[in-house]
N, C-alpha and C. Protein backbone atom coordinates (compact mmCIF):
# COMPACT_ATOMS: atom_id res chain seq x y z
N MET A 1 58.32 -106.97 -52.38
CA MET A 1 59.02 -106.77 -53.65
C MET A 1 58.69 -105.37 -54.18
N THR A 2 59.67 -104.68 -54.64
CA THR A 2 59.48 -103.32 -55.12
C THR A 2 59.55 -103.27 -56.64
N LEU A 3 58.83 -102.32 -57.23
CA LEU A 3 58.83 -102.16 -58.68
C LEU A 3 59.88 -101.17 -59.16
N LYS A 4 60.61 -100.55 -58.23
CA LYS A 4 61.54 -99.50 -58.63
C LYS A 4 62.60 -99.99 -59.61
N PRO A 5 63.39 -101.03 -59.27
CA PRO A 5 64.39 -101.49 -60.26
C PRO A 5 63.75 -102.01 -61.53
N PHE A 6 62.55 -102.58 -61.37
CA PHE A 6 61.83 -103.10 -62.52
C PHE A 6 61.50 -101.97 -63.49
N LEU A 7 61.04 -100.85 -62.98
CA LEU A 7 60.67 -99.73 -63.84
C LEU A 7 61.88 -98.98 -64.37
N GLU A 8 62.94 -98.89 -63.54
CA GLU A 8 64.14 -98.16 -63.96
C GLU A 8 64.82 -98.82 -65.15
N ASP A 9 64.77 -100.15 -65.22
CA ASP A 9 65.44 -100.88 -66.30
C ASP A 9 64.52 -101.14 -67.48
N MET A 10 63.29 -100.69 -67.40
CA MET A 10 62.35 -100.91 -68.50
C MET A 10 62.62 -99.90 -69.60
N LEU A 11 62.87 -100.38 -70.81
CA LEU A 11 63.15 -99.50 -71.93
C LEU A 11 61.88 -98.96 -72.56
N SER A 12 60.95 -99.84 -72.88
CA SER A 12 59.74 -99.40 -73.56
C SER A 12 58.68 -100.48 -73.46
N MET A 13 57.47 -100.09 -73.86
CA MET A 13 56.36 -101.03 -73.94
C MET A 13 55.77 -100.94 -75.35
N SER A 14 55.28 -102.04 -75.84
CA SER A 14 54.69 -102.04 -77.18
C SER A 14 53.54 -103.04 -77.21
N THR A 15 52.69 -102.85 -78.21
CA THR A 15 51.56 -103.75 -78.39
C THR A 15 52.00 -105.01 -79.12
N GLY A 16 51.49 -106.14 -78.67
CA GLY A 16 51.85 -107.41 -79.29
C GLY A 16 51.33 -107.54 -80.70
N THR A 17 51.70 -108.64 -81.34
CA THR A 17 51.30 -108.85 -82.74
C THR A 17 49.79 -109.00 -82.88
N ASP A 18 49.11 -109.39 -81.80
CA ASP A 18 47.66 -109.53 -81.89
C ASP A 18 46.94 -108.19 -81.73
N GLY A 19 47.70 -107.14 -81.44
CA GLY A 19 47.11 -105.82 -81.30
C GLY A 19 46.51 -105.54 -79.95
N HIS A 20 46.60 -106.48 -79.03
CA HIS A 20 45.97 -106.30 -77.72
C HIS A 20 46.96 -106.50 -76.57
N THR A 21 47.80 -107.49 -76.67
CA THR A 21 48.72 -107.78 -75.56
C THR A 21 49.79 -106.69 -75.45
N LEU A 22 50.33 -106.57 -74.25
CA LEU A 22 51.34 -105.55 -73.96
C LEU A 22 52.69 -106.23 -73.76
N GLN A 23 53.66 -105.80 -74.55
CA GLN A 23 55.01 -106.34 -74.44
C GLN A 23 55.92 -105.30 -73.78
N ILE A 24 56.72 -105.78 -72.81
CA ILE A 24 57.62 -104.90 -72.07
C ILE A 24 59.05 -105.26 -72.43
N HIS A 25 59.85 -104.26 -72.78
CA HIS A 25 61.23 -104.47 -73.19
C HIS A 25 62.17 -103.90 -72.13
N PHE A 26 63.19 -104.70 -71.75
CA PHE A 26 64.13 -104.32 -70.69
C PHE A 26 65.52 -104.09 -71.27
N SER A 27 66.33 -103.38 -70.49
CA SER A 27 67.72 -103.14 -70.88
C SER A 27 68.64 -104.27 -70.43
N ARG A 28 68.07 -105.30 -69.81
CA ARG A 28 68.86 -106.43 -69.30
C ARG A 28 67.96 -107.66 -69.30
N PRO A 29 68.53 -108.81 -69.09
CA PRO A 29 67.71 -110.02 -69.01
C PRO A 29 66.75 -109.95 -67.82
N VAL A 30 65.57 -110.49 -68.02
CA VAL A 30 64.56 -110.49 -66.96
C VAL A 30 64.92 -111.55 -65.93
N THR A 31 64.91 -111.17 -64.66
CA THR A 31 65.26 -112.09 -63.58
C THR A 31 64.00 -112.60 -62.89
N VAL A 32 64.21 -113.51 -61.97
CA VAL A 32 63.10 -114.04 -61.18
C VAL A 32 62.48 -112.93 -60.34
N ASP A 33 63.32 -112.06 -59.80
CA ASP A 33 62.81 -110.95 -59.00
C ASP A 33 61.92 -110.03 -59.83
N ASP A 34 62.29 -109.85 -61.12
CA ASP A 34 61.46 -109.03 -61.99
C ASP A 34 60.08 -109.65 -62.15
N ARG A 35 60.06 -110.96 -62.35
CA ARG A 35 58.78 -111.65 -62.53
C ARG A 35 57.94 -111.57 -61.26
N LEU A 36 58.61 -111.73 -60.10
CA LEU A 36 57.88 -111.64 -58.84
C LEU A 36 57.33 -110.23 -58.63
N ALA A 37 58.14 -109.23 -58.99
CA ALA A 37 57.69 -107.85 -58.85
C ALA A 37 56.50 -107.58 -59.75
N LEU A 38 56.55 -108.13 -60.96
CA LEU A 38 55.43 -107.95 -61.88
C LEU A 38 54.18 -108.65 -61.37
N MET A 39 54.36 -109.83 -60.79
CA MET A 39 53.22 -110.56 -60.22
C MET A 39 52.63 -109.79 -59.04
N ASP A 40 53.51 -109.22 -58.20
CA ASP A 40 53.03 -108.42 -57.07
C ASP A 40 52.23 -107.22 -57.56
N ALA A 41 52.76 -106.58 -58.61
CA ALA A 41 52.06 -105.43 -59.15
C ALA A 41 50.72 -105.84 -59.74
N HIS A 42 50.70 -106.99 -60.39
CA HIS A 42 49.46 -107.49 -60.97
C HIS A 42 48.45 -107.79 -59.88
N ASN A 43 48.89 -108.48 -58.83
CA ASN A 43 47.97 -108.81 -57.74
C ASN A 43 47.46 -107.56 -57.04
N TYR A 44 48.35 -106.58 -56.87
CA TYR A 44 47.93 -105.33 -56.24
C TYR A 44 46.90 -104.61 -57.10
N ALA A 45 47.14 -104.62 -58.41
CA ALA A 45 46.21 -103.94 -59.31
C ALA A 45 44.86 -104.63 -59.33
N VAL A 46 44.86 -105.94 -59.16
CA VAL A 46 43.61 -106.69 -59.20
C VAL A 46 42.82 -106.51 -57.91
N THR A 47 43.52 -106.52 -56.76
CA THR A 47 42.84 -106.50 -55.46
C THR A 47 42.49 -105.09 -54.99
N ARG A 48 43.25 -104.08 -55.40
CA ARG A 48 42.97 -102.73 -54.90
C ARG A 48 41.80 -102.13 -55.66
N PRO A 49 41.10 -101.17 -55.04
CA PRO A 49 40.02 -100.48 -55.77
C PRO A 49 40.59 -99.71 -56.95
N THR A 50 39.97 -99.88 -58.08
CA THR A 50 40.46 -99.24 -59.29
C THR A 50 40.01 -97.79 -59.35
N ALA A 51 40.96 -96.90 -59.53
CA ALA A 51 40.61 -95.48 -59.66
C ALA A 51 39.94 -95.25 -61.00
N PRO A 52 38.86 -94.50 -61.00
CA PRO A 52 38.16 -94.27 -62.27
C PRO A 52 39.01 -93.42 -63.21
N VAL A 53 39.19 -93.89 -64.41
CA VAL A 53 39.92 -93.16 -65.44
C VAL A 53 38.99 -93.00 -66.64
N GLU A 54 38.74 -91.74 -66.99
CA GLU A 54 37.79 -91.48 -68.07
C GLU A 54 38.30 -92.04 -69.39
N GLY A 55 37.48 -92.82 -70.05
CA GLY A 55 37.83 -93.36 -71.36
C GLY A 55 38.75 -94.57 -71.33
N LEU A 56 39.06 -95.10 -70.15
CA LEU A 56 39.98 -96.24 -70.06
C LEU A 56 39.27 -97.52 -70.52
N GLU A 57 39.89 -98.21 -71.45
CA GLU A 57 39.35 -99.47 -71.96
C GLU A 57 40.15 -100.63 -71.37
N ARG A 58 39.45 -101.53 -70.74
CA ARG A 58 40.12 -102.67 -70.11
C ARG A 58 39.88 -103.93 -70.95
N TYR A 59 40.88 -104.80 -70.93
CA TYR A 59 40.83 -106.03 -71.72
C TYR A 59 41.16 -107.22 -70.83
N GLY A 60 40.63 -108.37 -71.27
CA GLY A 60 40.93 -109.62 -70.59
C GLY A 60 41.02 -110.76 -71.59
N GLN A 61 41.54 -111.89 -71.15
CA GLN A 61 41.68 -113.04 -72.03
C GLN A 61 40.40 -113.88 -72.03
N ASN A 62 40.03 -114.33 -73.22
CA ASN A 62 38.86 -115.21 -73.32
C ASN A 62 39.31 -116.67 -73.32
N TRP A 63 38.38 -117.57 -73.61
CA TRP A 63 38.69 -119.01 -73.58
C TRP A 63 39.70 -119.39 -74.64
N HIS A 64 39.79 -118.57 -75.68
CA HIS A 64 40.73 -118.87 -76.76
C HIS A 64 42.08 -118.18 -76.53
N ASP A 65 42.28 -117.71 -75.33
CA ASP A 65 43.53 -117.03 -74.97
C ASP A 65 43.76 -115.79 -75.84
N GLU A 66 42.66 -115.15 -76.19
CA GLU A 66 42.73 -113.93 -76.97
C GLU A 66 42.23 -112.76 -76.12
N MET A 67 42.73 -111.58 -76.44
CA MET A 67 42.33 -110.39 -75.71
C MET A 67 41.02 -109.86 -76.28
N GLU A 68 40.13 -109.46 -75.37
CA GLU A 68 38.87 -108.88 -75.77
C GLU A 68 38.46 -107.84 -74.71
N PRO A 69 37.68 -106.82 -75.09
CA PRO A 69 37.24 -105.83 -74.11
C PRO A 69 36.52 -106.51 -72.94
N LYS A 70 36.88 -106.11 -71.74
CA LYS A 70 36.31 -106.72 -70.54
C LYS A 70 36.35 -105.70 -69.40
N ASN A 71 35.19 -105.45 -68.81
CA ASN A 71 35.11 -104.43 -67.76
C ASN A 71 36.02 -104.73 -66.58
N GLU A 72 36.19 -106.00 -66.26
CA GLU A 72 37.04 -106.39 -65.13
C GLU A 72 38.39 -106.90 -65.62
N GLY A 73 38.74 -106.61 -66.86
CA GLY A 73 39.99 -107.09 -67.40
C GLY A 73 41.21 -106.48 -66.71
N ASP A 74 42.31 -107.19 -66.79
CA ASP A 74 43.55 -106.77 -66.13
C ASP A 74 44.51 -106.07 -67.08
N TYR A 75 44.12 -105.82 -68.31
CA TYR A 75 45.02 -105.23 -69.30
C TYR A 75 44.38 -103.98 -69.92
N VAL A 76 45.25 -103.09 -70.34
CA VAL A 76 44.80 -101.87 -71.02
C VAL A 76 45.68 -101.68 -72.25
N LEU A 77 45.24 -100.80 -73.14
CA LEU A 77 46.03 -100.50 -74.33
C LEU A 77 47.30 -99.73 -73.94
N PHE A 78 48.34 -99.97 -74.72
CA PHE A 78 49.61 -99.30 -74.45
C PHE A 78 49.46 -97.78 -74.50
N SER A 79 48.72 -97.28 -75.47
CA SER A 79 48.56 -95.83 -75.61
C SER A 79 47.89 -95.23 -74.38
N GLN A 80 46.91 -95.97 -73.83
CA GLN A 80 46.24 -95.46 -72.63
C GLN A 80 47.17 -95.53 -71.41
N ALA A 81 47.90 -96.63 -71.30
CA ALA A 81 48.85 -96.76 -70.19
C ALA A 81 49.92 -95.68 -70.26
N GLU A 82 50.39 -95.43 -71.47
CA GLU A 82 51.41 -94.40 -71.66
C GLU A 82 50.87 -93.02 -71.27
N ALA A 83 49.62 -92.74 -71.63
CA ALA A 83 49.02 -91.45 -71.30
C ALA A 83 48.86 -91.30 -69.79
N ILE A 84 48.44 -92.40 -69.13
CA ILE A 84 48.28 -92.35 -67.67
C ILE A 84 49.62 -92.11 -66.99
N ILE A 85 50.65 -92.82 -67.45
CA ILE A 85 51.99 -92.65 -66.86
C ILE A 85 52.49 -91.23 -67.07
N ALA A 86 52.24 -90.68 -68.27
CA ALA A 86 52.68 -89.31 -68.56
C ALA A 86 52.00 -88.31 -67.63
N VAL A 87 50.70 -88.51 -67.41
CA VAL A 87 49.97 -87.62 -66.50
C VAL A 87 50.51 -87.73 -65.08
N GLU A 88 50.76 -88.96 -64.62
CA GLU A 88 51.28 -89.15 -63.27
C GLU A 88 52.67 -88.54 -63.12
N ARG A 89 53.50 -88.68 -64.16
CA ARG A 89 54.83 -88.08 -64.10
C ARG A 89 54.76 -86.56 -64.05
N ALA A 90 53.85 -86.00 -64.85
CA ALA A 90 53.69 -84.54 -64.84
C ALA A 90 53.20 -84.06 -63.47
N MET A 91 52.26 -84.81 -62.89
CA MET A 91 51.75 -84.44 -61.56
C MET A 91 52.86 -84.54 -60.52
N ARG A 92 53.68 -85.59 -60.65
CA ARG A 92 54.79 -85.75 -59.70
C ARG A 92 55.80 -84.62 -59.85
N LYS A 93 56.11 -84.26 -61.09
CA LYS A 93 57.06 -83.17 -61.33
C LYS A 93 56.54 -81.86 -60.76
N THR A 94 55.25 -81.61 -60.98
CA THR A 94 54.64 -80.39 -60.44
C THR A 94 54.70 -80.38 -58.92
N ALA A 95 54.40 -81.55 -58.32
CA ALA A 95 54.44 -81.65 -56.86
C ALA A 95 55.86 -81.43 -56.33
N GLU A 96 56.86 -81.98 -57.03
CA GLU A 96 58.25 -81.79 -56.61
C GLU A 96 58.65 -80.31 -56.71
N GLN A 97 58.23 -79.66 -57.79
CA GLN A 97 58.54 -78.24 -57.95
C GLN A 97 57.88 -77.40 -56.86
N ARG A 98 56.64 -77.74 -56.54
CA ARG A 98 55.95 -77.00 -55.48
C ARG A 98 56.62 -77.25 -54.13
N LEU A 99 57.06 -78.49 -53.91
CA LEU A 99 57.74 -78.80 -52.66
C LEU A 99 59.05 -78.02 -52.55
N ALA A 100 59.81 -77.99 -53.66
CA ALA A 100 61.07 -77.24 -53.65
C ALA A 100 60.83 -75.75 -53.41
N GLN A 101 59.78 -75.21 -54.05
CA GLN A 101 59.45 -73.80 -53.84
C GLN A 101 59.02 -73.54 -52.41
N SER A 102 58.26 -74.48 -51.85
CA SER A 102 57.82 -74.33 -50.46
C SER A 102 59.01 -74.36 -49.51
N GLN A 103 59.98 -75.22 -49.80
CA GLN A 103 61.18 -75.28 -48.96
C GLN A 103 61.98 -73.98 -49.05
N ASP A 104 62.09 -73.44 -50.28
CA ASP A 104 62.79 -72.16 -50.44
C ASP A 104 62.05 -71.04 -49.70
N ASP A 105 60.72 -71.05 -49.82
CA ASP A 105 59.93 -70.03 -49.12
C ASP A 105 60.09 -70.16 -47.61
N LEU A 106 60.14 -71.41 -47.13
CA LEU A 106 60.31 -71.63 -45.69
C LEU A 106 61.66 -71.11 -45.21
N LYS A 107 62.71 -71.35 -46.00
CA LYS A 107 64.04 -70.84 -45.64
C LYS A 107 64.04 -69.32 -45.58
N GLN A 108 63.38 -68.70 -46.57
CA GLN A 108 63.33 -67.24 -46.60
C GLN A 108 62.55 -66.69 -45.42
N VAL A 109 61.43 -67.36 -45.09
CA VAL A 109 60.63 -66.92 -43.94
C VAL A 109 61.44 -67.03 -42.65
N ARG A 110 62.18 -68.13 -42.50
CA ARG A 110 63.00 -68.30 -41.30
C ARG A 110 64.08 -67.22 -41.22
N ALA A 111 64.70 -66.92 -42.36
CA ALA A 111 65.71 -65.86 -42.38
C ALA A 111 65.10 -64.51 -42.04
N ASP A 112 63.91 -64.24 -42.60
CA ASP A 112 63.23 -62.98 -42.29
C ASP A 112 62.87 -62.90 -40.82
N ASN A 113 62.41 -64.02 -40.26
CA ASN A 113 62.05 -64.04 -38.84
C ASN A 113 63.27 -63.78 -37.96
N ALA A 114 64.40 -64.37 -38.33
CA ALA A 114 65.63 -64.16 -37.55
C ALA A 114 66.04 -62.69 -37.59
N ALA A 115 65.99 -62.10 -38.79
CA ALA A 115 66.34 -60.68 -38.91
C ALA A 115 65.35 -59.81 -38.15
N LEU A 116 64.08 -60.19 -38.20
CA LEU A 116 63.06 -59.42 -37.48
C LEU A 116 63.27 -59.51 -35.97
N THR A 117 63.66 -60.69 -35.49
CA THR A 117 63.93 -60.86 -34.06
C THR A 117 65.07 -59.96 -33.61
N VAL A 118 66.13 -59.90 -34.41
CA VAL A 118 67.27 -59.03 -34.09
C VAL A 118 66.84 -57.57 -34.06
N GLU A 119 66.04 -57.17 -35.03
CA GLU A 119 65.58 -55.78 -35.09
C GLU A 119 64.68 -55.44 -33.90
N ILE A 120 63.82 -56.38 -33.51
CA ILE A 120 62.94 -56.15 -32.36
C ILE A 120 63.76 -55.98 -31.09
N GLU A 121 64.77 -56.82 -30.91
CA GLU A 121 65.63 -56.70 -29.73
C GLU A 121 66.34 -55.35 -29.72
N ARG A 122 66.80 -54.90 -30.89
CA ARG A 122 67.47 -53.59 -30.96
C ARG A 122 66.50 -52.47 -30.59
N LEU A 123 65.29 -52.53 -31.10
CA LEU A 123 64.30 -51.50 -30.80
C LEU A 123 63.89 -51.53 -29.33
N GLN A 124 63.83 -52.72 -28.75
CA GLN A 124 63.50 -52.83 -27.33
C GLN A 124 64.57 -52.18 -26.47
N LYS A 125 65.83 -52.34 -26.85
CA LYS A 125 66.92 -51.70 -26.10
C LYS A 125 66.83 -50.18 -26.21
N ILE A 126 66.56 -49.70 -27.41
CA ILE A 126 66.41 -48.26 -27.60
C ILE A 126 65.23 -47.73 -26.79
N ASN A 127 64.13 -48.48 -26.80
CA ASN A 127 62.96 -48.06 -26.04
C ASN A 127 63.26 -48.01 -24.54
N ALA A 128 64.03 -48.99 -24.06
CA ALA A 128 64.40 -49.00 -22.64
C ALA A 128 65.29 -47.81 -22.30
N MET A 129 66.16 -47.43 -23.23
CA MET A 129 67.03 -46.28 -22.99
C MET A 129 66.25 -44.98 -22.95
N ILE A 130 65.25 -44.86 -23.81
CA ILE A 130 64.50 -43.61 -23.91
C ILE A 130 63.43 -43.49 -22.84
N MET A 131 62.70 -44.57 -22.58
CA MET A 131 61.55 -44.52 -21.70
C MET A 131 61.88 -44.85 -20.25
N GLY A 132 63.12 -45.19 -19.95
CA GLY A 132 63.47 -45.51 -18.56
C GLY A 132 63.39 -44.29 -17.67
N ASP A 133 63.22 -44.51 -16.35
CA ASP A 133 63.12 -43.40 -15.40
C ASP A 133 64.14 -43.52 -14.27
N ASP A 134 65.09 -44.41 -14.42
CA ASP A 134 66.11 -44.58 -13.39
C ASP A 134 67.26 -43.63 -13.70
N GLU A 135 67.35 -42.51 -12.96
CA GLU A 135 68.37 -41.52 -13.24
C GLU A 135 69.77 -42.01 -12.92
N ALA A 136 69.87 -43.01 -12.02
CA ALA A 136 71.19 -43.51 -11.64
C ALA A 136 71.74 -44.50 -12.66
N ALA A 137 70.88 -44.98 -13.52
CA ALA A 137 71.33 -45.98 -14.49
C ALA A 137 72.14 -45.30 -15.59
N PRO A 138 73.16 -45.96 -16.09
CA PRO A 138 74.00 -45.37 -17.15
C PRO A 138 73.31 -45.45 -18.50
N ARG A 139 72.20 -44.78 -18.64
CA ARG A 139 71.47 -44.78 -19.89
C ARG A 139 70.74 -43.45 -20.03
N TYR A 140 70.30 -43.16 -21.21
CA TYR A 140 69.63 -41.90 -21.47
C TYR A 140 68.14 -42.05 -21.19
N THR A 141 67.72 -41.62 -20.03
CA THR A 141 66.29 -41.62 -19.72
C THR A 141 65.66 -40.36 -20.28
N THR A 142 64.35 -40.34 -20.29
CA THR A 142 63.65 -39.16 -20.80
C THR A 142 64.00 -37.92 -19.99
N LYS A 143 64.04 -38.05 -18.68
CA LYS A 143 64.36 -36.90 -17.83
C LYS A 143 65.79 -36.43 -18.04
N ARG A 144 66.71 -37.38 -18.16
CA ARG A 144 68.10 -37.01 -18.36
C ARG A 144 68.30 -36.35 -19.72
N MET A 145 67.62 -36.85 -20.71
CA MET A 145 67.72 -36.23 -22.03
C MET A 145 67.22 -34.79 -21.99
N LYS A 146 66.11 -34.55 -21.26
CA LYS A 146 65.59 -33.20 -21.14
C LYS A 146 66.58 -32.29 -20.42
N GLN A 147 67.19 -32.83 -19.35
CA GLN A 147 68.18 -32.04 -18.61
C GLN A 147 69.38 -31.69 -19.48
N GLU A 148 69.84 -32.65 -20.26
CA GLU A 148 71.00 -32.39 -21.10
C GLU A 148 70.68 -31.38 -22.20
N VAL A 149 69.46 -31.45 -22.72
CA VAL A 149 69.06 -30.47 -23.74
C VAL A 149 69.04 -29.07 -23.13
N GLU A 150 68.48 -28.95 -21.92
CA GLU A 150 68.45 -27.64 -21.26
C GLU A 150 69.86 -27.14 -20.98
N ARG A 151 70.73 -28.03 -20.52
CA ARG A 151 72.11 -27.64 -20.23
C ARG A 151 72.82 -27.16 -21.50
N ALA A 152 72.62 -27.91 -22.58
CA ALA A 152 73.25 -27.52 -23.84
C ALA A 152 72.71 -26.18 -24.33
N THR A 153 71.41 -25.95 -24.11
CA THR A 153 70.81 -24.67 -24.51
C THR A 153 71.41 -23.51 -23.72
N GLN A 154 71.58 -23.72 -22.42
CA GLN A 154 72.18 -22.68 -21.59
C GLN A 154 73.61 -22.37 -22.02
N VAL A 155 74.36 -23.43 -22.33
CA VAL A 155 75.74 -23.22 -22.78
C VAL A 155 75.76 -22.43 -24.07
N MET A 156 74.87 -22.79 -24.98
CA MET A 156 74.81 -22.07 -26.25
C MET A 156 74.42 -20.61 -26.04
N ARG A 157 73.49 -20.38 -25.11
CA ARG A 157 73.09 -18.99 -24.83
C ARG A 157 74.26 -18.22 -24.22
N GLY A 158 75.00 -18.88 -23.29
CA GLY A 158 76.16 -18.22 -22.70
C GLY A 158 77.22 -17.91 -23.73
N GLU A 159 77.46 -18.85 -24.62
CA GLU A 159 78.44 -18.62 -25.67
C GLU A 159 77.99 -17.49 -26.58
N ALA A 160 76.71 -17.43 -26.84
CA ALA A 160 76.20 -16.35 -27.69
C ALA A 160 76.38 -15.00 -27.00
N SER A 161 76.12 -14.98 -25.69
CA SER A 161 76.30 -13.73 -24.94
C SER A 161 77.76 -13.30 -24.95
N ASP A 162 78.67 -14.26 -24.75
CA ASP A 162 80.10 -13.94 -24.79
C ASP A 162 80.51 -13.41 -26.16
N ARG A 163 79.97 -14.00 -27.19
CA ARG A 163 80.30 -13.54 -28.54
C ARG A 163 79.80 -12.12 -28.79
N GLU A 164 78.61 -11.84 -28.28
CA GLU A 164 78.07 -10.49 -28.45
C GLU A 164 78.94 -9.46 -27.73
N ALA A 165 79.39 -9.80 -26.51
CA ALA A 165 80.25 -8.87 -25.76
C ALA A 165 81.57 -8.66 -26.49
N TYR A 166 82.09 -9.73 -27.06
CA TYR A 166 83.36 -9.63 -27.79
C TYR A 166 83.20 -8.76 -29.03
N VAL A 167 82.08 -8.91 -29.70
CA VAL A 167 81.82 -8.11 -30.90
C VAL A 167 81.70 -6.63 -30.53
N ARG A 168 81.00 -6.36 -29.43
CA ARG A 168 80.86 -4.96 -29.00
C ARG A 168 82.23 -4.36 -28.66
N SER A 169 83.08 -5.18 -28.02
CA SER A 169 84.43 -4.71 -27.68
C SER A 169 85.22 -4.39 -28.94
N LEU A 170 85.13 -5.25 -29.93
CA LEU A 170 85.84 -5.00 -31.18
C LEU A 170 85.32 -3.74 -31.87
N GLU A 171 84.02 -3.55 -31.83
CA GLU A 171 83.47 -2.35 -32.45
C GLU A 171 83.98 -1.08 -31.77
N THR A 172 84.06 -1.13 -30.43
CA THR A 172 84.58 0.03 -29.68
C THR A 172 86.03 0.31 -30.05
N GLN A 173 86.82 -0.77 -30.11
CA GLN A 173 88.24 -0.61 -30.45
C GLN A 173 88.40 -0.08 -31.87
N LEU A 174 87.58 -0.59 -32.75
CA LEU A 174 87.68 -0.15 -34.14
C LEU A 174 87.30 1.33 -34.27
N ALA A 175 86.31 1.74 -33.54
CA ALA A 175 85.89 3.15 -33.61
C ALA A 175 87.00 4.07 -33.09
N ALA A 176 87.66 3.64 -31.99
CA ALA A 176 88.75 4.46 -31.43
C ALA A 176 89.92 4.52 -32.40
N ALA A 177 90.25 3.39 -33.00
CA ALA A 177 91.37 3.37 -33.95
C ALA A 177 91.06 4.21 -35.17
N ARG A 178 89.81 4.15 -35.64
CA ARG A 178 89.45 4.94 -36.81
C ARG A 178 89.53 6.44 -36.51
N LYS A 179 89.08 6.81 -35.31
CA LYS A 179 89.13 8.23 -34.94
C LYS A 179 90.57 8.72 -34.85
N ALA A 180 91.45 7.87 -34.26
CA ALA A 180 92.86 8.26 -34.15
C ALA A 180 93.49 8.41 -35.52
N LEU A 181 93.18 7.51 -36.41
CA LEU A 181 93.74 7.59 -37.76
C LEU A 181 93.23 8.81 -38.49
N GLU A 182 91.98 9.14 -38.28
CA GLU A 182 91.45 10.33 -38.94
C GLU A 182 92.16 11.59 -38.45
N GLU A 183 92.43 11.63 -37.14
CA GLU A 183 93.13 12.80 -36.61
C GLU A 183 94.57 12.86 -37.12
N ILE A 184 95.23 11.67 -37.19
CA ILE A 184 96.61 11.65 -37.66
C ILE A 184 96.69 12.05 -39.13
N ALA A 185 95.72 11.58 -39.90
CA ALA A 185 95.75 11.85 -41.34
C ALA A 185 95.21 13.22 -41.70
N SER A 186 94.72 13.95 -40.72
CA SER A 186 94.13 15.26 -41.04
C SER A 186 95.22 16.23 -41.47
N PHE A 187 95.00 16.91 -42.59
CA PHE A 187 95.97 17.90 -43.10
C PHE A 187 95.96 19.17 -42.26
N THR A 188 94.92 19.34 -41.47
CA THR A 188 94.82 20.57 -40.65
C THR A 188 95.50 20.41 -39.31
N GLN A 189 95.99 19.20 -39.06
CA GLN A 189 96.64 18.95 -37.77
C GLN A 189 98.01 19.61 -37.77
N THR A 190 98.24 20.46 -36.77
CA THR A 190 99.48 21.23 -36.71
C THR A 190 100.41 20.79 -35.61
N THR A 191 100.02 19.73 -34.91
CA THR A 191 100.87 19.27 -33.80
C THR A 191 102.09 18.57 -34.36
N ASP A 192 103.03 18.33 -33.47
CA ASP A 192 104.28 17.72 -33.91
C ASP A 192 104.16 16.20 -33.98
N LEU A 193 105.25 15.56 -34.37
CA LEU A 193 105.29 14.11 -34.54
C LEU A 193 105.05 13.38 -33.24
N LEU A 194 105.50 13.90 -32.13
CA LEU A 194 105.31 13.25 -30.84
C LEU A 194 103.83 13.12 -30.50
N TRP A 195 103.07 14.12 -30.86
CA TRP A 195 101.62 14.06 -30.60
C TRP A 195 100.98 12.94 -31.41
N TRP A 196 101.40 12.80 -32.67
CA TRP A 196 100.87 11.72 -33.51
C TRP A 196 101.19 10.34 -32.93
N GLN A 197 102.41 10.19 -32.46
CA GLN A 197 102.81 8.90 -31.88
C GLN A 197 101.96 8.56 -30.65
N GLU A 198 101.70 9.54 -29.81
CA GLU A 198 100.89 9.31 -28.62
C GLU A 198 99.46 8.91 -29.00
N ARG A 199 98.91 9.55 -29.99
CA ARG A 199 97.55 9.22 -30.43
C ARG A 199 97.50 7.81 -31.02
N ALA A 200 98.52 7.47 -31.80
CA ALA A 200 98.56 6.12 -32.40
C ALA A 200 98.72 5.06 -31.32
N ARG A 201 99.60 5.36 -30.30
CA ARG A 201 99.82 4.40 -29.23
C ARG A 201 98.53 4.20 -28.42
N ALA A 202 97.80 5.28 -28.17
CA ALA A 202 96.54 5.18 -27.43
C ALA A 202 95.52 4.34 -28.20
N ALA A 203 95.49 4.49 -29.53
CA ALA A 203 94.57 3.70 -30.34
C ALA A 203 94.93 2.22 -30.30
N LEU A 204 96.22 1.92 -30.33
CA LEU A 204 96.66 0.53 -30.27
C LEU A 204 96.34 -0.10 -28.91
N GLU A 205 96.53 0.67 -27.84
CA GLU A 205 96.22 0.15 -26.51
C GLU A 205 94.72 -0.11 -26.37
N THR A 206 93.92 0.73 -26.96
CA THR A 206 92.47 0.49 -26.93
C THR A 206 92.11 -0.77 -27.70
N ALA A 207 92.83 -1.01 -28.79
CA ALA A 207 92.56 -2.19 -29.61
C ALA A 207 92.93 -3.48 -28.91
N THR A 208 93.92 -3.43 -28.03
CA THR A 208 94.33 -4.63 -27.33
C THR A 208 93.53 -4.83 -26.05
């Protein structure tokens, strides 16, 4: 027999008119199952080792069917029972919150581990590409990378040399053109127009 439905339908508890007995109020009529559940709970409470509760006062019935303080009594004051239940509920709520937080933390750890695994695999592939020594493999080995760097350096040096030669050629052409223009523009030049045309044509041919 379980106490769950019994406790769920319980509205409140109060002290009896004698100031000692405990009255339980339900939201529905009490059934036989409720009574059996209460008896099971009573028997369990009597037979199981009692957990020490500081300041707990226990009561039992005397010969006159009255409640009186009794170390082995089966009853406690409503206020004490209520306090114990409140503490247990608070402990349960705290435990549930910690469990929920632990589950969230576990999900986050699993997600982090999955992301870390992917990153490790990526780094391992990069490491294999860089540290490999198989020149025939279609990957960038250390030796191949060095060779490609040297090849690129040579190309850049060749291009630089070609640019320097081109610049020198332009400078030569520019000097020839400037000299021809100076001669053409000279006021002391007494040659005819045909001479000027030949000098200009020679300067243009040098420029090309």
